[in-house]
């Protein structure tokens, strides 16, 4: 897998090569990437309020129109399915443990509840550190986005065999929020 840096003007006009496998792209998937500097994430140790403020101030977002083959376009991320299964099993174990404790007062109910909490913790760790192999943003600025886990063929198509359209070049001249300040012209009647 490769890494590529794209300009903001290229994000809607990428070559028809699957970003994950390099095959001919048949679909375009609109992905919204969010990136926060690592130092801002570590401010969580200062408290939730400073963490929230630093993340909100430093977070960058970019929407990319990713070309994909039919197989990768239809694939659901495995990590998302694992999260829902883990949360459901953890909640069920906690619920059964609490019901048994309330109604039958058995000591084994505590073990069921502990197993439920352990399942939720493992699920949280999978969410934080797991990887489903999909494309991810490793850095976003006002003018560029760096994508990781893209195919070599996609990188070659972007760098060598593809020119962005004129419309995309014109979009690069506008600020990232899509608005630009223009001087109003007033006409007077004589």
Foldseek 3Di string as FASTA:
>chain_A
DFKDKDWLLCQEPAAQAAFAARHGFDAWDKDKAKDADPVLCVCCVVPDVSSVVRRVVGMDMHIGGGGRHPVVVPDDQPLVVLLVVLLVQLVVLLVVLVVCCVPVVDPCSVVSNVVSVVSNVVNVVCVVPNDRLDKHWPDDDFTMTMIPNTDPNSVCCRPPPDDGDPVSVVQSPDGSVSDDDDDDDDDDDD
